[in-house]
PDB file of N, CA and C in Angstrom:
ATOM      1  N   MET A   1       8.052  -0.121  -3.034  1.00  0.00           N
ATOM      2  CA  MET A   1       8.036   1.323  -3.133  1.00  0.00           C
ATOM      3  C   MET A   1       6.900   1.719  -4.068  1.00  0.00           C
ATOM      4  N   VAL A   2       6.191   2.769  -3.653  1.00  0.00           N
ATOM      5  CA  VAL A   2       5.053   3.281  -4.419  1.00  0.00           C
ATOM      6  C   VAL A   2       5.304   4.748  -4.720  1.00  0.00           C
ATOM      7  N   SER A   3       5.044   5.161  -5.946  1.00  0.00           N
ATOM      8  CA  SER A   3       5.242   6.558  -6.331  1.00  0.00           C
ATOM      9  C   SER A   3       4.172   7.442  -5.709  1.00  0.00           C
ATOM     10  N   ALA A   4       4.383   8.750  -5.786  1.00  0.00           N
ATOM     11  CA  ALA A   4       3.432   9.709  -5.227  1.00  0.00           C
ATOM     12  C   ALA A   4       2.052   9.583  -5.870  1.00  0.00           C
ATOM     13  N   ASP A   5       1.989   9.101  -7.106  1.00  0.00           N
ATOM     14  CA  ASP A   5       0.688   8.936  -7.759  1.00  0.00           C
ATOM     15  C   ASP A   5       0.107   7.532  -7.568  1.00  0.00           C
ATOM     16  N   GLY A   6       0.709   6.737  -6.660  1.00  0.00           N
ATOM     17  CA  GLY A   6       0.127   5.454  -6.277  1.00  0.00           C
ATOM     18  C   GLY A   6       0.520   4.261  -7.128  1.00  0.00           C
ATOM     19  N   LEU A   7       1.521   4.419  -8.028  1.00  0.00           N
ATOM     20  CA  LEU A   7       1.955   3.293  -8.853  1.00  0.00           C
ATOM     21  C   LEU A   7       3.090   2.538  -8.162  1.00  0.00           C
ATOM     22  N   ILE A   8       3.066   1.221  -8.242  1.00  0.00           N
ATOM     23  CA  ILE A   8       4.093   0.392  -7.629  1.00  0.00           C
ATOM     24  C   ILE A   8       5.366   0.491  -8.475  1.00  0.00           C
ATOM     25  N   VAL A   9       6.423   0.998  -7.853  1.00  0.00           N
ATOM     26  CA  VAL A   9       7.697   1.188  -8.521  1.00  0.00           C
ATOM     27  C   VAL A   9       8.579  -0.036  -8.295  1.00  0.00           C
ATOM     28  N   SER A  10       8.554  -0.591  -7.094  1.00  0.00           N
ATOM     29  CA  SER A  10       9.350  -1.773  -6.790  1.00  0.00           C
ATOM     30  C   SER A  10       8.554  -2.676  -5.864  1.00  0.00           C
ATOM     31  N   TRP A  11       8.729  -3.977  -6.034  1.00  0.00           N
ATOM     32  CA  TRP A  11       7.979  -4.999  -5.282  1.00  0.00           C
ATOM     33  C   TRP A  11       8.983  -6.088  -4.943  1.00  0.00           C
ATOM     34  N   ASN A  12       9.472  -6.124  -3.719  1.00  0.00           N
ATOM     35  CA  ASN A  12      10.545  -7.039  -3.360  1.00  0.00           C
ATOM     36  C   ASN A  12      10.020  -8.416  -2.941  1.00  0.00           C
ATOM     37  N   PRO A  13      10.918  -9.387  -2.761  1.00  0.00           N
ATOM     38  CA  PRO A  13      10.489 -10.731  -2.370  1.00  0.00           C
ATOM     39  C   PRO A  13       9.690 -10.765  -1.062  1.00  0.00           C
ATOM     40  N   ALA A  14       9.983  -9.846  -0.144  1.00  0.00           N
ATOM     41  CA  ALA A  14       9.221  -9.806   1.110  1.00  0.00           C
ATOM     42  C   ALA A  14       7.750  -9.472   0.836  1.00  0.00           C
ATOM     43  N   MET A  15       7.489  -8.527  -0.087  1.00  0.00           N
ATOM     44  CA  MET A  15       6.091  -8.204  -0.432  1.00  0.00           C
ATOM     45  C   MET A  15       5.420  -9.377  -1.133  1.00  0.00           C
ATOM     46  N   GLU A  16       6.163 -10.109  -1.942  1.00  0.00           N
ATOM     47  CA  GLU A  16       5.602 -11.310  -2.555  1.00  0.00           C
ATOM     48  C   GLU A  16       5.167 -12.291  -1.480  1.00  0.00           C
ATOM     49  N   HIS A  17       6.016 -12.483  -0.471  1.00  0.00           N
ATOM     50  CA  HIS A  17       5.715 -13.407   0.621  1.00  0.00           C
ATOM     51  C   HIS A  17       4.539 -12.919   1.471  1.00  0.00           C
ATOM     52  N   ILE A  18       4.540 -11.639   1.808  1.00  0.00           N
ATOM     53  CA  ILE A  18       3.491 -11.071   2.660  1.00  0.00           C
ATOM     54  C   ILE A  18       2.123 -11.116   1.977  1.00  0.00           C
ATOM     55  N   THR A  19       2.082 -10.760   0.689  1.00  0.00           N
ATOM     56  CA  THR A  19       0.801 -10.627  -0.009  1.00  0.00           C
ATOM     57  C   THR A  19       0.392 -11.853  -0.813  1.00  0.00           C
ATOM     58  N   GLY A  20       1.379 -12.654  -1.230  1.00  0.00           N
ATOM     59  CA  GLY A  20       1.093 -13.759  -2.131  1.00  0.00           C
ATOM     60  C   GLY A  20       1.005 -13.318  -3.584  1.00  0.00           C
ATOM     61  N   ILE A  21       1.311 -12.042  -3.850  1.00  0.00           N
ATOM     62  CA  ILE A  21       1.226 -11.481  -5.207  1.00  0.00           C
ATOM     63  C   ILE A  21       2.622 -11.415  -5.803  1.00  0.00           C
ATOM     64  N   PRO A  22       2.848 -12.064  -6.957  1.00  0.00           N
ATOM     65  CA  PRO A  22       4.180 -12.029  -7.570  1.00  0.00           C
ATOM     66  C   PRO A  22       4.535 -10.641  -8.107  1.00  0.00           C
ATOM     67  N   ARG A  23       5.823 -10.350  -8.146  1.00  0.00           N
ATOM     68  CA  ARG A  23       6.330  -9.059  -8.607  1.00  0.00           C
ATOM     69  C   ARG A  23       5.825  -8.720 -10.000  1.00  0.00           C
ATOM     70  N   ALA A  24       5.793  -9.673 -10.894  1.00  0.00           N
ATOM     71  CA  ALA A  24       5.358  -9.425 -12.273  1.00  0.00           C
ATOM     72  C   ALA A  24       3.912  -8.954 -12.340  1.00  0.00           C
ATOM     73  N   ARG A  25       3.095  -9.328 -11.370  1.00  0.00           N
ATOM     74  CA  ARG A  25       1.695  -8.919 -11.347  1.00  0.00           C
ATOM     75  C   ARG A  25       1.491  -7.577 -10.646  1.00  0.00           C
ATOM     76  N   ALA A  26       2.512  -7.095  -9.917  1.00  0.00           N
ATOM     77  CA  ALA A  26       2.366  -5.872  -9.127  1.00  0.00           C
ATOM     78  C   ALA A  26       3.067  -4.662  -9.742  1.00  0.00           C
ATOM     79  N   ALA A  27       4.272  -4.840 -10.235  1.00  0.00           N
ATOM     80  CA  ALA A  27       5.093  -3.716 -10.694  1.00  0.00           C
ATOM     81  C   ALA A  27       4.414  -2.926 -11.813  1.00  0.00           C
ATOM     82  N   GLY A  28       4.405  -1.591 -11.648  1.00  0.00           N
ATOM     83  CA  GLY A  28       3.850  -0.694 -12.657  1.00  0.00           C
ATOM     84  C   GLY A  28       2.357  -0.471 -12.560  1.00  0.00           C
ATOM     85  N   ARG A  29       1.683  -1.187 -11.689  1.00  0.00           N
ATOM     86  CA  ARG A  29       0.230  -1.039 -11.542  1.00  0.00           C
ATOM     87  C   ARG A  29      -0.101  -0.160 -10.340  1.00  0.00           C
ATOM     88  N   ALA A  30      -1.311   0.334 -10.293  1.00  0.00           N
ATOM     89  CA  ALA A  30      -1.762   1.147  -9.163  1.00  0.00           C
ATOM     90  C   ALA A  30      -1.828   0.270  -7.913  1.00  0.00           C
ATOM     91  N   CYS A  31      -1.291   0.777  -6.818  1.00  0.00           N
ATOM     92  CA  CYS A  31      -1.229   0.023  -5.572  1.00  0.00           C
ATOM     93  C   CYS A  31      -2.621  -0.403  -5.112  1.00  0.00           C
ATOM     94  N   ASP A  32      -3.584   0.510  -5.157  1.00  0.00           N
ATOM     95  CA  ASP A  32      -4.942   0.158  -4.731  1.00  0.00           C
ATOM     96  C   ASP A  32      -5.562  -0.900  -5.632  1.00  0.00           C
ATOM     97  N   GLU A  33      -5.189  -0.903  -6.904  1.00  0.00           N
ATOM     98  CA  GLU A  33      -5.694  -1.910  -7.839  1.00  0.00           C
ATOM     99  C   GLU A  33      -5.127  -3.291  -7.481  1.00  0.00           C
ATOM    100  N   VAL A  34      -3.849  -3.320  -7.117  1.00  0.00           N
ATOM    101  CA  VAL A  34      -3.200  -4.586  -6.771  1.00  0.00           C
ATOM    102  C   VAL A  34      -3.667  -5.091  -5.416  1.00  0.00           C
ATOM    103  N   LEU A  35      -3.669  -4.211  -4.421  1.00  0.00           N
ATOM    104  CA  LEU A  35      -3.999  -4.622  -3.061  1.00  0.00           C
ATOM    105  C   LEU A  35      -5.469  -4.442  -2.706  1.00  0.00           C
ATOM    106  N   GLY A  36      -6.193  -3.631  -3.450  1.00  0.00           N
ATOM    107  CA  GLY A  36      -7.592  -3.377  -3.147  1.00  0.00           C
ATOM    108  C   GLY A  36      -7.753  -2.416  -1.987  1.00  0.00           C
ATOM    109  N   LEU A  37      -8.935  -2.361  -1.464  1.00  0.00           N
ATOM    110  CA  LEU A  37      -9.230  -1.519  -0.308  1.00  0.00           C
ATOM    111  C   LEU A  37      -9.068  -2.350   0.951  1.00  0.00           C
ATOM    112  N   HIS A  38      -8.661  -1.706   2.026  1.00  0.00           N
ATOM    113  CA  HIS A  38      -8.316  -2.431   3.239  1.00  0.00           C
ATOM    114  C   HIS A  38      -9.061  -1.906   4.453  1.00  0.00           C
ATOM    115  N   LEU A  39      -9.278  -2.793   5.373  1.00  0.00           N
ATOM    116  CA  LEU A  39      -9.996  -2.483   6.599  1.00  0.00           C
ATOM    117  C   LEU A  39      -9.226  -1.481   7.444  1.00  0.00           C
ATOM    118  N   GLU A  40      -9.865  -0.371   7.769  1.00  0.00           N
ATOM    119  CA  GLU A  40      -9.254   0.591   8.676  1.00  0.00           C
ATOM    120  C   GLU A  40      -9.647   0.262  10.110  1.00  0.00           C
ATOM    121  N   ASP A  41     -10.924   0.044  10.357  1.00  0.00           N
ATOM    122  CA  ASP A  41     -11.400  -0.373  11.676  1.00  0.00           C
ATOM    123  C   ASP A  41     -12.815  -0.889  11.546  1.00  0.00           C
ATOM    124  N   ASP A  42     -13.322  -1.466  12.607  1.00  0.00           N
ATOM    125  CA  ASP A  42     -14.705  -1.927  12.604  1.00  0.00           C
ATOM    126  C   ASP A  42     -15.604  -0.782  13.044  1.00  0.00           C
ATOM    127  N   GLY A  43     -16.579  -0.456  12.241  1.00  0.00           N
ATOM    128  CA  GLY A  43     -17.548   0.579  12.576  1.00  0.00           C
ATOM    129  C   GLY A  43     -18.836  -0.066  13.044  1.00  0.00           C
ATOM    130  N   PRO A  44     -19.824   0.727  13.425  1.00  0.00           N
ATOM    131  CA  PRO A  44     -21.088   0.169  13.911  1.00  0.00           C
ATOM    132  C   PRO A  44     -21.820  -0.659  12.857  1.00  0.00           C
ATOM    133  N   GLU A  45     -21.590  -0.373  11.577  1.00  0.00           N
ATOM    134  CA  GLU A  45     -22.253  -1.135  10.519  1.00  0.00           C
ATOM    135  C   GLU A  45     -21.367  -2.256   9.981  1.00  0.00           C
ATOM    136  N   GLY A  46     -20.284  -2.580  10.672  1.00  0.00           N
ATOM    137  CA  GLY A  46     -19.371  -3.616  10.198  1.00  0.00           C
ATOM    138  C   GLY A  46     -18.068  -3.011   9.735  1.00  0.00           C
ATOM    139  N   ARG A  47     -17.443  -3.644   8.774  1.00  0.00           N
ATOM    140  CA  ARG A  47     -16.141  -3.199   8.307  1.00  0.00           C
ATOM    141  C   ARG A  47     -16.219  -1.917   7.492  1.00  0.00           C
ATOM    142  N   THR A  48     -15.267  -1.046   7.717  1.00  0.00           N
ATOM    143  CA  THR A  48     -15.131   0.187   6.962  1.00  0.00           C
ATOM    144  C   THR A  48     -13.871   0.054   6.106  1.00  0.00           C
ATOM    145  N   PHE A  49     -14.023   0.145   4.793  1.00  0.00           N
ATOM    146  CA  PHE A  49     -12.890  -0.006   3.895  1.00  0.00           C
ATOM    147  C   PHE A  49     -12.423   1.353   3.384  1.00  0.00           C
ATOM    148  N   VAL A  50     -11.121   1.530   3.320  1.00  0.00           N
ATOM    149  CA  VAL A  50     -10.531   2.789   2.870  1.00  0.00           C
ATOM    150  C   VAL A  50      -9.341   2.503   1.965  1.00  0.00           C
ATOM    151  N   PRO A  51      -8.997   3.420   1.046  1.00  0.00           N
ATOM    152  CA  PRO A  51      -7.808   3.217   0.209  1.00  0.00           C
ATOM    153  C   PRO A  51      -6.534   3.452   1.021  1.00  0.00           C
ATOM    154  N   LEU A  52      -5.437   2.912   0.524  1.00  0.00           N
ATOM    155  CA  LEU A  52      -4.148   3.173   1.145  1.00  0.00           C
ATOM    156  C   LEU A  52      -3.836   4.660   1.029  1.00  0.00           C
ATOM    157  N   ARG A  53      -3.095   5.204   2.002  1.00  0.00           N
ATOM    158  CA  ARG A  53      -2.832   6.642   2.054  1.00  0.00           C
ATOM    159  C   ARG A  53      -1.398   6.943   1.641  1.00  0.00           C
ATOM    160  N   PHE A  54      -1.269   7.814   0.657  1.00  0.00           N
ATOM    161  CA  PHE A  54       0.049   8.220   0.183  1.00  0.00           C
ATOM    162  C   PHE A  54       0.202   9.732   0.219  1.00  0.00           C
ATOM    163  N   ASP A  55      -0.754  10.436   0.832  1.00  0.00           N
ATOM    164  CA  ASP A  55      -0.757  11.894   0.782  1.00  0.00           C
ATOM    165  C   ASP A  55      -0.036  12.568   1.941  1.00  0.00           C
ATOM    166  N   GLU A  56       0.467  11.780   2.897  1.00  0.00           N
ATOM    167  CA  GLU A  56       1.173  12.369   4.022  1.00  0.00           C
ATOM    168  C   GLU A  56       2.197  11.387   4.569  1.00  0.00           C
ATOM    169  N   ALA A  57       3.263  11.928   5.139  1.00  0.00           N
ATOM    170  CA  ALA A  57       4.290  11.077   5.730  1.00  0.00           C
ATOM    171  C   ALA A  57       3.777  10.494   7.038  1.00  0.00           C
ATOM    172  N   GLY A  58       4.191   9.276   7.341  1.00  0.00           N
ATOM    173  CA  GLY A  58       3.818   8.636   8.595  1.00  0.00           C
ATOM    174  C   GLY A  58       3.553   7.159   8.414  1.00  0.00           C
ATOM    175  N   SER A  59       3.223   6.490   9.512  1.00  0.00           N
ATOM    176  CA  SER A  59       2.930   5.063   9.496  1.00  0.00           C
ATOM    177  C   SER A  59       1.430   4.841   9.526  1.00  0.00           C
ATOM    178  N   HIS A  60       0.993   3.822   8.816  1.00  0.00           N
ATOM    179  CA  HIS A  60      -0.426   3.508   8.723  1.00  0.00           C
ATOM    180  C   HIS A  60      -0.600   2.000   8.836  1.00  0.00           C
ATOM    181  N   ASP A  61      -1.632   1.548   9.539  1.00  0.00           N
ATOM    182  CA  ASP A  61      -1.936   0.127   9.678  1.00  0.00           C
ATOM    183  C   ASP A  61      -3.121  -0.221   8.794  1.00  0.00           C
ATOM    184  N   VAL A  62      -3.016  -1.342   8.080  1.00  0.00           N
ATOM    185  CA  VAL A  62      -4.105  -1.809   7.223  1.00  0.00           C
ATOM    186  C   VAL A  62      -4.207  -3.323   7.327  1.00  0.00           C
ATOM    187  N   LEU A  63      -5.390  -3.817   7.064  1.00  0.00           N
ATOM    188  CA  LEU A  63      -5.605  -5.254   7.026  1.00  0.00           C
ATOM    189  C   LEU A  63      -5.513  -5.694   5.577  1.00  0.00           C
ATOM    190  N   LEU A  64      -4.592  -6.577   5.294  1.00  0.00           N
ATOM    191  CA  LEU A  64      -4.335  -7.059   3.954  1.00  0.00           C
ATOM    192  C   LEU A  64      -5.000  -8.418   3.789  1.00  0.00           C
ATOM    193  N   THR A  65      -5.740  -8.593   2.711  1.00  0.00           N
ATOM    194  CA  THR A  65      -6.280  -9.905   2.377  1.00  0.00           C
ATOM    195  C   THR A  65      -5.362 -10.509   1.328  1.00  0.00           C
ATOM    196  N   ARG A  66      -4.710 -11.615   1.699  1.00  0.00           N
ATOM    197  CA  ARG A  66      -3.753 -12.273   0.814  1.00  0.00           C
ATOM    198  C   ARG A  66      -4.479 -13.010  -0.309  1.00  0.00           C
ATOM    199  N   THR A  67      -3.723 -13.443  -1.309  1.00  0.00           N
ATOM    200  CA  THR A  67      -4.316 -14.145  -2.447  1.00  0.00           C
ATOM    201  C   THR A  67      -4.970 -15.464  -2.038  1.00  0.00           C
ATOM    202  N   ASP A  68      -4.537 -16.049  -0.902  1.00  0.00           N
ATOM    203  CA  ASP A  68      -5.148 -17.301  -0.436  1.00  0.00           C
ATOM    204  C   ASP A  68      -6.376 -17.066   0.437  1.00  0.00           C
ATOM    205  N   GLY A  69      -6.763 -15.773   0.608  1.00  0.00           N
ATOM    206  CA  GLY A  69      -7.943 -15.424   1.394  1.00  0.00           C
ATOM    207  C   GLY A  69      -7.657 -15.149   2.861  1.00  0.00           C
ATOM    208  N   SER A  70      -6.452 -15.469   3.337  1.00  0.00           N
ATOM    209  CA  SER A  70      -6.119 -15.188   4.730  1.00  0.00           C
ATOM    210  C   SER A  70      -5.903 -13.686   4.906  1.00  0.00           C
ATOM    211  N   GLU A  71      -6.085 -13.217   6.128  1.00  0.00           N
ATOM    212  CA  GLU A  71      -5.925 -11.792   6.419  1.00  0.00           C
ATOM    213  C   GLU A  71      -4.719 -11.582   7.319  1.00  0.00           C
ATOM    214  N   ARG A  72      -4.075 -10.430   7.137  1.00  0.00           N
ATOM    215  CA  ARG A  72      -2.884 -10.120   7.902  1.00  0.00           C
ATOM    216  C   ARG A  72      -2.768  -8.608   8.054  1.00  0.00           C
ATOM    217  N   TRP A  73      -2.551  -8.142   9.286  1.00  0.00           N
ATOM    218  CA  TRP A  73      -2.315  -6.720   9.515  1.00  0.00           C
ATOM    219  C   TRP A  73      -0.891  -6.386   9.118  1.00  0.00           C
ATOM    220  N   ILE A  74      -0.725  -5.284   8.397  1.00  0.00           N
ATOM    221  CA  ILE A  74       0.607  -4.792   8.053  1.00  0.00           C
ATOM    222  C   ILE A  74       0.679  -3.303   8.368  1.00  0.00           C
ATOM    223  N   ARG A  75       1.873  -2.819   8.559  1.00  0.00           N
ATOM    224  CA  ARG A  75       2.111  -1.385   8.749  1.00  0.00           C
ATOM    225  C   ARG A  75       3.009  -0.920   7.612  1.00  0.00           C
ATOM    226  N   TYR A  76       2.575   0.129   6.937  1.00  0.00           N
ATOM    227  CA  TYR A  76       3.409   0.710   5.891  1.00  0.00           C
ATOM    228  C   TYR A  76       3.730   2.143   6.265  1.00  0.00           C
ATOM    229  N   THR A  77       4.830   2.632   5.747  1.00  0.00           N
ATOM    230  CA  THR A  77       5.302   3.971   6.077  1.00  0.00           C
ATOM    231  C   THR A  77       5.454   4.789   4.808  1.00  0.00           C
ATOM    232  N   SER A  78       4.933   6.007   4.829  1.00  0.00           N
ATOM    233  CA  SER A  78       5.115   6.966   3.744  1.00  0.00           C
ATOM    234  C   SER A  78       6.188   7.950   4.182  1.00  0.00           C
ATOM    235  N   ASN A  79       7.108   8.262   3.277  1.00  0.00           N
ATOM    236  CA  ASN A  79       8.203   9.182   3.581  1.00  0.00           C
ATOM    237  C   ASN A  79       8.310  10.250   2.515  1.00  0.00           C
ATOM    238  N   LEU A  80       8.753  11.418   2.929  1.00  0.00           N
ATOM    239  CA  LEU A  80       9.009  12.500   1.980  1.00  0.00           C
ATOM    240  C   LEU A  80      10.336  12.261   1.294  1.00  0.00           C
ATOM    241  N   MET A  81      10.333  12.364  -0.028  1.00  0.00           N
ATOM    242  CA  MET A  81      11.563  12.241  -0.806  1.00  0.00           C
ATOM    243  C   MET A  81      11.647  13.452  -1.725  1.00  0.00           C
ATOM    244  N   PRO A  82      12.847  13.944  -1.973  1.00  0.00           N
ATOM    245  CA  PRO A  82      12.968  15.129  -2.823  1.00  0.00           C
ATOM    246  C   PRO A  82      12.549  14.835  -4.264  1.00  0.00           C
ATOM    247  N   SER A  83      11.884  15.794  -4.864  1.00  0.00           N
ATOM    248  CA  SER A  83      11.519  15.675  -6.267  1.00  0.00           C
ATOM    249  C   SER A  83      12.661  16.235  -7.115  1.00  0.00           C
ATOM    250  N   ARG A  84      12.583  16.022  -8.397  1.00  0.00           N
ATOM    251  CA  ARG A  84      13.620  16.536  -9.289  1.00  0.00           C
ATOM    252  C   ARG A  84      13.649  18.055  -9.295  1.00  0.00           C
ATOM    253  N   GLU A  85      12.515  18.664  -9.006  1.00  0.00           N
ATOM    254  CA  GLU A  85      12.418  20.126  -8.999  1.00  0.00           C
ATOM    255  C   GLU A  85      12.896  20.721  -7.683  1.00  0.00           C
ATOM    256  N   GLY A  86      13.271  19.885  -6.697  1.00  0.00           N
ATOM    257  CA  GLY A  86      13.762  20.380  -5.421  1.00  0.00           C
ATOM    258  C   GLY A  86      12.759  20.392  -4.316  1.00  0.00           C
ATOM    259  N   GLY A  87      11.482  20.228  -4.617  1.00  0.00           N
ATOM    260  CA  GLY A  87      10.463  20.169  -3.570  1.00  0.00           C
ATOM    261  C   GLY A  87      10.377  18.762  -3.005  1.00  0.00           C
ATOM    262  N   ALA A  88       9.441  18.555  -2.110  1.00  0.00           N
ATOM    263  CA  ALA A  88       9.264  17.234  -1.504  1.00  0.00           C
ATOM    264  C   ALA A  88       8.028  16.567  -2.084  1.00  0.00           C
ATOM    265  N   ARG A  89       8.069  15.248  -2.155  1.00  0.00           N
ATOM    266  CA  ARG A  89       6.904  14.471  -2.541  1.00  0.00           C
ATOM    267  C   ARG A  89       6.824  13.274  -1.620  1.00  0.00           C
ATOM    268  N   VAL A  90       5.656  12.718  -1.458  1.00  0.00           N
ATOM    269  CA  VAL A  90       5.457  11.586  -0.566  1.00  0.00           C
ATOM    270  C   VAL A  90       5.512  10.302  -1.358  1.00  0.00           C
ATOM    271  N   VAL A  91       6.276   9.341  -0.878  1.00  0.00           N
ATOM    272  CA  VAL A  91       6.278   8.000  -1.467  1.00  0.00           C
ATOM    273  C   VAL A  91       6.199   6.994  -0.334  1.00  0.00           C
ATOM    274  N   SER A  92       5.732   5.790  -0.655  1.00  0.00           N
ATOM    275  CA  SER A  92       5.642   4.730   0.363  1.00  0.00           C
ATOM    276  C   SER A  92       6.462   3.560  -0.058  1.00  0.00           C
TER     277      SER A  92
END
């Protein structure tokens, strides 16, 4: 789980397995700092890298480079969750 401001709130064993990054190294840090920038698609000049998106609800596909250097496509979902003030905020 990632907060609306992009900080990793929770990092479960499945994310450890998928990324190769232990929970202690991920929790509380900025998601983009932990995972880096990821391939959105191949453009005419080669790979185009973009940050993960937390500004809107929906599913997004990204190419993740694991700690061992292997690459893996993953899909993450951002969802609206109520804020303490009663409005909505996006979290992933």
